[in-house]
Amino acid sequence: MNTEDRLAYLEGVVAALVASDRYTFQKHLQFLDGRNIQAGRSVGTKIGTAADQKIGFFGKTPIVQQSAITAPSGGGTVDSQSRTAIGLIITALQNFGLTL
């Protein structure tokens, strides 16, 4: 491959990688041990920008955002402390976007 062909090839690779508002990767990302992802402090960072984008953690099959979890009501024995804890768990799942 001559220099002009190599340059044209590299320009194509860079053009495919760098769009005007994003980077596009066609391969897996791998982070070395002990490396971190730092996010902005004022606005923050989103992983998954729509409810139908699939995400999986720790080797699980990626899934879309799950439906809302209904808070407990009724039942034979009402345990207000448990219901408060369950409500806080539901709120945490919603705040992280794991459920609607």
PDB file of N, CA and C in Angstrom:
ATOM      1  N   MET A   1       0.853  -1.172   0.000  1.00  0.00           N
ATOM      2  CA  MET A   1       0.000   0.000   0.000  1.00  0.00           C
ATOM      3  C   MET A   1       0.900   1.237   0.000  1.00  0.00           C
ATOM      4  N   ASN A   2       0.676   2.136  -0.907  1.00  0.00           N
ATOM      5  CA  ASN A   2       1.518   3.330  -0.972  1.00  0.00           C
ATOM      6  C   ASN A   2       1.059   4.359   0.062  1.00  0.00           C
ATOM      7  N   THR A   3       1.805   5.414   0.192  1.00  0.00           N
ATOM      8  CA  THR A   3       1.547   6.433   1.207  1.00  0.00           C
ATOM      9  C   THR A   3       0.186   7.090   1.022  1.00  0.00           C
ATOM     10  N   GLU A   4      -0.179   7.396  -0.209  1.00  0.00           N
ATOM     11  CA  GLU A   4      -1.476   8.034  -0.461  1.00  0.00           C
ATOM     12  C   GLU A   4      -2.633   7.112  -0.084  1.00  0.00           C
ATOM     13  N   ASP A   5      -2.501   5.840  -0.405  1.00  0.00           N
ATOM     14  CA  ASP A   5      -3.539   4.879  -0.056  1.00  0.00           C
ATOM     15  C   ASP A   5      -3.634   4.718   1.457  1.00  0.00           C
ATOM     16  N   ARG A   6      -2.503   4.669   2.116  1.00  0.00           N
ATOM     17  CA  ARG A   6      -2.485   4.539   3.578  1.00  0.00           C
ATOM     18  C   ARG A   6      -3.122   5.758   4.223  1.00  0.00           C
ATOM     19  N   LEU A   7      -2.819   6.941   3.701  1.00  0.00           N
ATOM     20  CA  LEU A   7      -3.395   8.164   4.239  1.00  0.00           C
ATOM     21  C   LEU A   7      -4.909   8.178   4.025  1.00  0.00           C
ATOM     22  N   ALA A   8      -5.363   7.794   2.837  1.00  0.00           N
ATOM     23  CA  ALA A   8      -6.799   7.743   2.551  1.00  0.00           C
ATOM     24  C   ALA A   8      -7.486   6.746   3.486  1.00  0.00           C
ATOM     25  N   TYR A   9      -6.847   5.605   3.719  1.00  0.00           N
ATOM     26  CA  TYR A   9      -7.405   4.603   4.626  1.00  0.00           C
ATOM     27  C   TYR A   9      -7.536   5.173   6.038  1.00  0.00           C
ATOM     28  N   LEU A  10      -6.476   5.805   6.527  1.00  0.00           N
ATOM     29  CA  LEU A  10      -6.502   6.377   7.872  1.00  0.00           C
ATOM     30  C   LEU A  10      -7.541   7.484   7.995  1.00  0.00           C
ATOM     31  N   GLU A  11      -7.695   8.289   6.967  1.00  0.00           N
ATOM     32  CA  GLU A  11      -8.718   9.333   6.984  1.00  0.00           C
ATOM     33  C   GLU A  11     -10.108   8.710   7.089  1.00  0.00           C
ATOM     34  N   GLY A  12     -10.328   7.604   6.392  1.00  0.00           N
ATOM     35  CA  GLY A  12     -11.606   6.903   6.479  1.00  0.00           C
ATOM     36  C   GLY A  12     -11.858   6.349   7.865  1.00  0.00           C
ATOM     37  N   VAL A  13     -10.824   5.794   8.479  1.00  0.00           N
ATOM     38  CA  VAL A  13     -10.946   5.252   9.836  1.00  0.00           C
ATOM     39  C   VAL A  13     -11.296   6.368  10.814  1.00  0.00           C
ATOM     40  N   VAL A  14     -10.580   7.474  10.729  1.00  0.00           N
ATOM     41  CA  VAL A  14     -10.832   8.595  11.633  1.00  0.00           C
ATOM     42  C   VAL A  14     -12.228   9.163  11.397  1.00  0.00           C
ATOM     43  N   ALA A  15     -12.651   9.299  10.142  1.00  0.00           N
ATOM     44  CA  ALA A  15     -13.987   9.815   9.834  1.00  0.00           C
ATOM     45  C   ALA A  15     -15.074   8.910  10.411  1.00  0.00           C
ATOM     46  N   ALA A  16     -14.871   7.601  10.369  1.00  0.00           N
ATOM     47  CA  ALA A  16     -15.844   6.662  10.923  1.00  0.00           C
ATOM     48  C   ALA A  16     -15.867   6.721  12.447  1.00  0.00           C
ATOM     49  N   LEU A  17     -14.740   7.012  13.040  1.00  0.00           N
ATOM     50  CA  LEU A  17     -14.628   7.056  14.497  1.00  0.00           C
ATOM     51  C   LEU A  17     -15.165   8.350  15.072  1.00  0.00           C
ATOM     52  N   VAL A  18     -14.885   9.447  14.437  1.00  0.00           N
ATOM     53  CA  VAL A  18     -15.202  10.758  14.998  1.00  0.00           C
ATOM     54  C   VAL A  18     -16.291  11.426  14.167  1.00  0.00           C
ATOM     55  N   ALA A  19     -17.495  11.505  14.710  1.00  0.00           N
ATOM     56  CA  ALA A  19     -18.569  12.261  14.086  1.00  0.00           C
ATOM     57  C   ALA A  19     -18.591  13.647  14.727  1.00  0.00           C
ATOM     58  N   SER A  20     -19.485  14.491  14.306  1.00  0.00           N
ATOM     59  CA  SER A  20     -19.510  15.853  14.819  1.00  0.00           C
ATOM     60  C   SER A  20     -19.847  15.922  16.303  1.00  0.00           C
ATOM     61  N   ASP A  21     -20.653  14.970  16.805  1.00  0.00           N
ATOM     62  CA  ASP A  21     -21.072  15.046  18.203  1.00  0.00           C
ATOM     63  C   ASP A  21     -20.843  13.760  18.997  1.00  0.00           C
ATOM     64  N   ARG A  22     -20.081  12.809  18.439  1.00  0.00           N
ATOM     65  CA  ARG A  22     -19.877  11.552  19.164  1.00  0.00           C
ATOM     66  C   ARG A  22     -18.719  10.757  18.570  1.00  0.00           C
ATOM     67  N   TYR A  23     -18.275   9.773  19.322  1.00  0.00           N
ATOM     68  CA  TYR A  23     -17.305   8.802  18.830  1.00  0.00           C
ATOM     69  C   TYR A  23     -18.059   7.503  18.590  1.00  0.00           C
ATOM     70  N   THR A  24     -17.772   6.823  17.516  1.00  0.00           N
ATOM     71  CA  THR A  24     -18.421   5.562  17.197  1.00  0.00           C
ATOM     72  C   THR A  24     -17.380   4.457  17.233  1.00  0.00           C
ATOM     73  N   PHE A  25     -17.663   3.429  18.021  1.00  0.00           N
ATOM     74  CA  PHE A  25     -16.742   2.310  18.148  1.00  0.00           C
ATOM     75  C   PHE A  25     -17.368   1.080  17.533  1.00  0.00           C
ATOM     76  N   GLN A  26     -16.588   0.337  16.783  1.00  0.00           N
ATOM     77  CA  GLN A  26     -17.078  -0.891  16.184  1.00  0.00           C
ATOM     78  C   GLN A  26     -16.501  -2.116  16.894  1.00  0.00           C
ATOM     79  N   LYS A  27     -15.778  -1.879  17.964  1.00  0.00           N
ATOM     80  CA  LYS A  27     -15.186  -2.967  18.741  1.00  0.00           C
ATOM     81  C   LYS A  27     -15.512  -2.749  20.210  1.00  0.00           C
ATOM     82  N   HIS A  28     -15.247  -3.755  21.030  1.00  0.00           N
ATOM     83  CA  HIS A  28     -15.461  -3.648  22.466  1.00  0.00           C
ATOM     84  C   HIS A  28     -14.505  -2.629  23.068  1.00  0.00           C
ATOM     85  N   LEU A  29     -14.927  -2.010  24.156  1.00  0.00           N
ATOM     86  CA  LEU A  29     -14.026  -1.171  24.943  1.00  0.00           C
ATOM     87  C   LEU A  29     -13.517  -2.014  26.101  1.00  0.00           C
ATOM     88  N   GLN A  30     -12.252  -1.925  26.370  1.00  0.00           N
ATOM     89  CA  GLN A  30     -11.680  -2.662  27.489  1.00  0.00           C
ATOM     90  C   GLN A  30     -10.866  -1.687  28.318  1.00  0.00           C
ATOM     91  N   PHE A  31     -11.125  -1.670  29.613  1.00  0.00           N
ATOM     92  CA  PHE A  31     -10.396  -0.809  30.519  1.00  0.00           C
ATOM     93  C   PHE A  31      -9.445  -1.671  31.341  1.00  0.00           C
ATOM     94  N   LEU A  32      -8.233  -1.249  31.457  1.00  0.00           N
ATOM     95  CA  LEU A  32      -7.259  -1.980  32.253  1.00  0.00           C
ATOM     96  C   LEU A  32      -7.629  -1.908  33.726  1.00  0.00           C
ATOM     97  N   ASP A  33      -7.180  -2.869  34.488  1.00  0.00           N
ATOM     98  CA  ASP A  33      -7.465  -2.929  35.912  1.00  0.00           C
ATOM     99  C   ASP A  33      -7.016  -1.635  36.591  1.00  0.00           C
ATOM    100  N   GLY A  34      -7.833  -1.124  37.464  1.00  0.00           N
ATOM    101  CA  GLY A  34      -7.487   0.078  38.216  1.00  0.00           C
ATOM    102  C   GLY A  34      -7.774   1.373  37.483  1.00  0.00           C
ATOM    103  N   ARG A  35      -8.412   1.311  36.311  1.00  0.00           N
ATOM    104  CA  ARG A  35      -8.753   2.514  35.554  1.00  0.00           C
ATOM    105  C   ARG A  35     -10.205   2.873  35.838  1.00  0.00           C
ATOM    106  N   ASN A  36     -10.507   4.141  35.864  1.00  0.00           N
ATOM    107  CA  ASN A  36     -11.839   4.605  36.208  1.00  0.00           C
ATOM    108  C   ASN A  36     -12.431   5.441  35.078  1.00  0.00           C
ATOM    109  N   ILE A  37     -13.738   5.579  35.098  1.00  0.00           N
ATOM    110  CA  ILE A  37     -14.436   6.474  34.189  1.00  0.00           C
ATOM    111  C   ILE A  37     -14.858   7.678  35.023  1.00  0.00           C
ATOM    112  N   GLN A  38     -14.407   8.837  34.642  1.00  0.00           N
ATOM    113  CA  GLN A  38     -14.764  10.050  35.370  1.00  0.00           C
ATOM    114  C   GLN A  38     -15.872  10.776  34.627  1.00  0.00           C
ATOM    115  N   ALA A  39     -16.887  11.175  35.348  1.00  0.00           N
ATOM    116  CA  ALA A  39     -18.035  11.865  34.757  1.00  0.00           C
ATOM    117  C   ALA A  39     -18.041  13.321  35.217  1.00  0.00           C
ATOM    118  N   GLY A  40     -18.721  14.154  34.447  1.00  0.00           N
ATOM    119  CA  GLY A  40     -18.841  15.567  34.796  1.00  0.00           C
ATOM    120  C   GLY A  40     -19.585  15.773  36.103  1.00  0.00           C
ATOM    121  N   ARG A  41     -19.317  16.869  36.768  1.00  0.00           N
ATOM    122  CA  ARG A  41     -19.935  17.140  38.060  1.00  0.00           C
ATOM    123  C   ARG A  41     -21.117  18.094  37.981  1.00  0.00           C
ATOM    124  N   SER A  42     -21.238  18.844  36.903  1.00  0.00           N
ATOM    125  CA  SER A  42     -22.330  19.814  36.850  1.00  0.00           C
ATOM    126  C   SER A  42     -23.590  19.240  36.212  1.00  0.00           C
ATOM    127  N   VAL A  43     -23.487  18.593  35.074  1.00  0.00           N
ATOM    128  CA  VAL A  43     -24.658  18.053  34.381  1.00  0.00           C
ATOM    129  C   VAL A  43     -24.749  16.548  34.548  1.00  0.00           C
ATOM    130  N   GLY A  44     -23.638  15.849  34.559  1.00  0.00           N
ATOM    131  CA  GLY A  44     -23.637  14.403  34.723  1.00  0.00           C
ATOM    132  C   GLY A  44     -23.502  13.674  33.401  1.00  0.00           C
ATOM    133  N   THR A  45     -23.588  12.361  33.455  1.00  0.00           N
ATOM    134  CA  THR A  45     -23.408  11.506  32.289  1.00  0.00           C
ATOM    135  C   THR A  45     -24.506  10.457  32.268  1.00  0.00           C
ATOM    136  N   LYS A  46     -25.063  10.186  31.104  1.00  0.00           N
ATOM    137  CA  LYS A  46     -26.080   9.151  30.963  1.00  0.00           C
ATOM    138  C   LYS A  46     -25.474   7.923  30.298  1.00  0.00           C
ATOM    139  N   ILE A  47     -25.879   6.766  30.752  1.00  0.00           N
ATOM    140  CA  ILE A  47     -25.574   5.508  30.081  1.00  0.00           C
ATOM    141  C   ILE A  47     -26.929   4.970  29.628  1.00  0.00           C
ATOM    142  N   GLY A  48     -27.135   4.948  28.336  1.00  0.00           N
ATOM    143  CA  GLY A  48     -28.459   4.630  27.811  1.00  0.00           C
ATOM    144  C   GLY A  48     -29.287   5.899  27.816  1.00  0.00           C
ATOM    145  N   THR A  49     -29.680   6.370  26.661  1.00  0.00           N
ATOM    146  CA  THR A  49     -30.411   7.637  26.571  1.00  0.00           C
ATOM    147  C   THR A  49     -31.875   7.450  26.205  1.00  0.00           C
ATOM    148  N   ALA A  50     -32.321   6.221  26.061  1.00  0.00           N
ATOM    149  CA  ALA A  50     -33.727   5.933  25.778  1.00  0.00           C
ATOM    150  C   ALA A  50     -34.109   4.626  26.465  1.00  0.00           C
ATOM    151  N   ALA A  51     -35.386   4.510  26.837  1.00  0.00           N
ATOM    152  CA  ALA A  51     -35.861   3.340  27.593  1.00  0.00           C
ATOM    153  C   ALA A  51     -35.747   2.041  26.815  1.00  0.00           C
ATOM    154  N   ASP A  52     -35.659   2.119  25.471  1.00  0.00           N
ATOM    155  CA  ASP A  52     -35.584   0.882  24.684  1.00  0.00           C
ATOM    156  C   ASP A  52     -34.153   0.469  24.354  1.00  0.00           C
ATOM    157  N   GLN A  53     -33.166   1.210  24.846  1.00  0.00           N
ATOM    158  CA  GLN A  53     -31.777   0.787  24.670  1.00  0.00           C
ATOM    159  C   GLN A  53     -31.468  -0.258  25.734  1.00  0.00           C
ATOM    160  N   LYS A  54     -30.791  -1.315  25.343  1.00  0.00           N
ATOM    161  CA  LYS A  54     -30.554  -2.435  26.249  1.00  0.00           C
ATOM    162  C   LYS A  54     -29.210  -2.294  26.967  1.00  0.00           C
ATOM    163  N   ILE A  55     -29.228  -2.617  28.270  1.00  0.00           N
ATOM    164  CA  ILE A  55     -28.023  -2.564  29.102  1.00  0.00           C
ATOM    165  C   ILE A  55     -28.009  -3.814  29.981  1.00  0.00           C
ATOM    166  N   GLY A  56     -26.847  -4.393  30.166  1.00  0.00           N
ATOM    167  CA  GLY A  56     -26.695  -5.532  31.060  1.00  0.00           C
ATOM    168  C   GLY A  56     -25.494  -5.298  31.972  1.00  0.00           C
ATOM    169  N   PHE A  57     -25.530  -5.854  33.154  1.00  0.00           N
ATOM    170  CA  PHE A  57     -24.446  -5.708  34.118  1.00  0.00           C
ATOM    171  C   PHE A  57     -23.928  -7.083  34.538  1.00  0.00           C
ATOM    172  N   PHE A  58     -22.641  -7.156  34.775  1.00  0.00           N
ATOM    173  CA  PHE A  58     -22.006  -8.350  35.338  1.00  0.00           C
ATOM    174  C   PHE A  58     -22.339  -9.628  34.571  1.00  0.00           C
ATOM    175  N   GLY A  59     -22.266  -9.553  33.248  1.00  0.00           N
ATOM    176  CA  GLY A  59     -22.439 -10.731  32.418  1.00  0.00           C
ATOM    177  C   GLY A  59     -23.888 -11.118  32.145  1.00  0.00           C
ATOM    178  N   LYS A  60     -24.842 -10.357  32.656  1.00  0.00           N
ATOM    179  CA  LYS A  60     -26.250 -10.662  32.399  1.00  0.00           C
ATOM    180  C   LYS A  60     -26.631 -10.180  31.009  1.00  0.00           C
ATOM    181  N   THR A  61     -27.641 -10.807  30.415  1.00  0.00           N
ATOM    182  CA  THR A  61     -28.130 -10.429  29.098  1.00  0.00           C
ATOM    183  C   THR A  61     -28.688  -9.005  29.154  1.00  0.00           C
ATOM    184  N   PRO A  62     -28.285  -8.138  28.241  1.00  0.00           N
ATOM    185  CA  PRO A  62     -28.818  -6.774  28.236  1.00  0.00           C
ATOM    186  C   PRO A  62     -30.338  -6.763  28.027  1.00  0.00           C
ATOM    187  N   ILE A  63     -31.017  -5.879  28.771  1.00  0.00           N
ATOM    188  CA  ILE A  63     -32.468  -5.735  28.689  1.00  0.00           C
ATOM    189  C   ILE A  63     -32.825  -4.258  28.612  1.00  0.00           C
ATOM    190  N   VAL A  64     -34.056  -3.968  28.211  1.00  0.00           N
ATOM    191  CA  VAL A  64     -34.559  -2.603  28.195  1.00  0.00           C
ATOM    192  C   VAL A  64     -34.927  -2.196  29.617  1.00  0.00           C
ATOM    193  N   GLN A  65     -35.218  -0.904  29.801  1.00  0.00           N
ATOM    194  CA  GLN A  65     -35.626  -0.414  31.114  1.00  0.00           C
ATOM    195  C   GLN A  65     -36.886  -1.148  31.559  1.00  0.00           C
ATOM    196  N   GLN A  66     -36.909  -1.566  32.809  1.00  0.00           N
ATOM    197  CA  GLN A  66     -38.023  -2.348  33.331  1.00  0.00           C
ATOM    198  C   GLN A  66     -39.210  -1.466  33.707  1.00  0.00           C
ATOM    199  N   SER A  67     -40.379  -2.076  33.761  1.00  0.00           N
ATOM    200  CA  SER A  67     -41.602  -1.362  34.139  1.00  0.00           C
ATOM    201  C   SER A  67     -41.506  -0.895  35.584  1.00  0.00           C
ATOM    202  N   ALA A  68     -42.379   0.049  35.916  1.00  0.00           N
ATOM    203  CA  ALA A  68     -42.425   0.555  37.288  1.00  0.00           C
ATOM    204  C   ALA A  68     -42.838  -0.560  38.245  1.00  0.00           C
ATOM    205  N   ILE A  69     -42.329  -0.495  39.465  1.00  0.00           N
ATOM    206  CA  ILE A  69     -42.699  -1.438  40.512  1.00  0.00           C
ATOM    207  C   ILE A  69     -43.754  -0.760  41.373  1.00  0.00           C
ATOM    208  N   THR A  70     -44.856  -1.430  41.576  1.00  0.00           N
ATOM    209  CA  THR A  70     -45.945  -0.871  42.371  1.00  0.00           C
ATOM    210  C   THR A  70     -45.619  -1.004  43.853  1.00  0.00           C
ATOM    211  N   ALA A  71     -45.818   0.079  44.576  1.00  0.00           N
ATOM    212  CA  ALA A  71     -45.599   0.060  46.023  1.00  0.00           C
ATOM    213  C   ALA A  71     -46.621  -0.875  46.667  1.00  0.00           C
ATOM    214  N   PRO A  72     -46.239  -1.533  47.764  1.00  0.00           N
ATOM    215  CA  PRO A  72     -47.160  -2.464  48.408  1.00  0.00           C
ATOM    216  C   PRO A  72     -48.380  -1.744  48.998  1.00  0.00           C
ATOM    217  N   SER A  73     -49.507  -2.434  48.944  1.00  0.00           N
ATOM    218  CA  SER A  73     -50.728  -1.918  49.581  1.00  0.00           C
ATOM    219  C   SER A  73     -51.579  -3.114  49.975  1.00  0.00           C
ATOM    220  N   GLY A  74     -52.395  -2.936  50.951  1.00  0.00           N
ATOM    221  CA  GLY A  74     -53.274  -4.028  51.390  1.00  0.00           C
ATOM    222  C   GLY A  74     -52.500  -5.109  52.115  1.00  0.00           C
ATOM    223  N   GLY A  75     -53.056  -6.295  52.164  1.00  0.00           N
ATOM    224  CA  GLY A  75     -52.429  -7.417  52.847  1.00  0.00           C
ATOM    225  C   GLY A  75     -52.982  -7.603  54.242  1.00  0.00           C
ATOM    226  N   GLY A  76     -52.744  -8.791  54.812  1.00  0.00           N
ATOM    227  CA  GLY A  76     -53.267  -9.117  56.138  1.00  0.00           C
ATOM    228  C   GLY A  76     -52.562  -8.380  57.255  1.00  0.00           C
ATOM    229  N   THR A  77     -51.242  -8.243  57.149  1.00  0.00           N
ATOM    230  CA  THR A  77     -50.465  -7.548  58.166  1.00  0.00           C
ATOM    231  C   THR A  77     -49.760  -6.380  57.504  1.00  0.00           C
ATOM    232  N   VAL A  78     -49.975  -5.191  58.051  1.00  0.00           N
ATOM    233  CA  VAL A  78     -49.341  -4.000  57.490  1.00  0.00           C
ATOM    234  C   VAL A  78     -48.137  -3.662  58.349  1.00  0.00           C
ATOM    235  N   ASP A  79     -46.960  -3.710  57.751  1.00  0.00           N
ATOM    236  CA  ASP A  79     -45.709  -3.378  58.433  1.00  0.00           C
ATOM    237  C   ASP A  79     -45.203  -2.066  57.845  1.00  0.00           C
ATOM    238  N   SER A  80     -45.462  -0.975  58.532  1.00  0.00           N
ATOM    239  CA  SER A  80     -45.143   0.346  57.983  1.00  0.00           C
ATOM    240  C   SER A  80     -43.640   0.537  57.774  1.00  0.00           C
ATOM    241  N   GLN A  81     -42.810  -0.043  58.618  1.00  0.00           N
ATOM    242  CA  GLN A  81     -41.363   0.093  58.450  1.00  0.00           C
ATOM    243  C   GLN A  81     -40.888  -0.625  57.189  1.00  0.00           C
ATOM    244  N   SER A  82     -41.425  -1.809  56.936  1.00  0.00           N
ATOM    245  CA  SER A  82     -41.073  -2.534  55.715  1.00  0.00           C
ATOM    246  C   SER A  82     -41.557  -1.793  54.482  1.00  0.00           C
ATOM    247  N   ARG A  83     -42.771  -1.261  54.562  1.00  0.00           N
ATOM    248  CA  ARG A  83     -43.306  -0.517  53.424  1.00  0.00           C
ATOM    249  C   ARG A  83     -42.479   0.739  53.149  1.00  0.00           C
ATOM    250  N   THR A  84     -42.008   1.387  54.177  1.00  0.00           N
ATOM    251  CA  THR A  84     -41.145   2.554  53.997  1.00  0.00           C
ATOM    252  C   THR A  84     -39.847   2.148  53.323  1.00  0.00           C
ATOM    253  N   ALA A  85     -39.250   1.046  53.765  1.00  0.00           N
ATOM    254  CA  ALA A  85     -38.001   0.555  53.164  1.00  0.00           C
ATOM    255  C   ALA A  85     -38.224   0.163  51.706  1.00  0.00           C
ATOM    256  N   ILE A  86     -39.320  -0.529  51.415  1.00  0.00           N
ATOM    257  CA  ILE A  86     -39.625  -0.919  50.042  1.00  0.00           C
ATOM    258  C   ILE A  86     -39.825   0.322  49.182  1.00  0.00           C
ATOM    259  N   GLY A  87     -40.507   1.320  49.713  1.00  0.00           N
ATOM    260  CA  GLY A  87     -40.695   2.575  48.980  1.00  0.00           C
ATOM    261  C   GLY A  87     -39.376   3.245  48.651  1.00  0.00           C
ATOM    262  N   LEU A  88     -38.435   3.224  49.583  1.00  0.00           N
ATOM    263  CA  LEU A  88     -37.108   3.815  49.347  1.00  0.00           C
ATOM    264  C   LEU A  88     -36.339   3.028  48.286  1.00  0.00           C
ATOM    265  N   ILE A  89     -36.485   1.704  48.301  1.00  0.00           N
ATOM    266  CA  ILE A  89     -35.829   0.875  47.278  1.00  0.00           C
ATOM    267  C   ILE A  89     -36.416   1.187  45.905  1.00  0.00           C
ATOM    268  N   ILE A  90     -37.738   1.291  45.820  1.00  0.00           N
ATOM    269  CA  ILE A  90     -38.389   1.628  44.551  1.00  0.00           C
ATOM    270  C   ILE A  90     -37.899   2.984  44.055  1.00  0.00           C
ATOM    271  N   THR A  91     -37.819   3.959  44.933  1.00  0.00           N
ATOM    272  CA  THR A  91     -37.338   5.299  44.565  1.00  0.00           C
ATOM    273  C   THR A  91     -35.904   5.243  44.061  1.00  0.00           C
ATOM    274  N   ALA A  92     -35.036   4.464  44.720  1.00  0.00           N
ATOM    275  CA  ALA A  92     -33.634   4.350  44.288  1.00  0.00           C
ATOM    276  C   ALA A  92     -33.556   3.718  42.895  1.00  0.00           C
ATOM    277  N   LEU A  93     -34.324   2.672  42.648  1.00  0.00           N
ATOM    278  CA  LEU A  93     -34.330   2.027  41.331  1.00  0.00           C
ATOM    279  C   LEU A  93     -34.811   2.997  40.257  1.00  0.00           C
ATOM    280  N   GLN A  94     -35.813   3.797  40.575  1.00  0.00           N
ATOM    281  CA  GLN A  94     -36.319   4.789  39.613  1.00  0.00           C
ATOM    282  C   GLN A  94     -35.297   5.906  39.399  1.00  0.00           C
ATOM    283  N   ASN A  95     -34.670   6.367  40.465  1.00  0.00           N
ATOM    284  CA  ASN A  95     -33.685   7.449  40.340  1.00  0.00           C
ATOM    285  C   ASN A  95     -32.500   7.048  39.485  1.00  0.00           C
ATOM    286  N   PHE A  96     -32.091   5.792  39.546  1.00  0.00           N
ATOM    287  CA  PHE A  96     -31.001   5.301  38.710  1.00  0.00           C
ATOM    288  C   PHE A  96     -31.482   4.906  37.312  1.00  0.00           C
ATOM    289  N   GLY A  97     -32.787   4.969  37.084  1.00  0.00           N
ATOM    290  CA  GLY A  97     -33.332   4.659  35.783  1.00  0.00           C
ATOM    291  C   GLY A  97     -33.472   3.176  35.508  1.00  0.00           C
ATOM    292  N   LEU A  98     -33.342   2.341  36.523  1.00  0.00           N
ATOM    293  CA  LEU A  98     -33.444   0.905  36.307  1.00  0.00           C
ATOM    294  C   LEU A  98     -34.883   0.472  36.117  1.00  0.00           C
ATOM    295  N   THR A  99     -35.831   1.238  36.681  1.00  0.00           N
ATOM    296  CA  THR A  99     -37.259   1.016  36.457  1.00  0.00           C
ATOM    297  C   THR A  99     -37.893   2.363  36.117  1.00  0.00           C
ATOM    298  N   LEU A 100     -39.086   2.298  35.563  1.00  0.00           N
ATOM    299  CA  LEU A 100     -39.843   3.530  35.248  1.00  0.00           C
ATOM    300  C   LEU A 100     -40.425   4.122  36.497  1.00  0.00           C
TER     301      LEU A 100
END
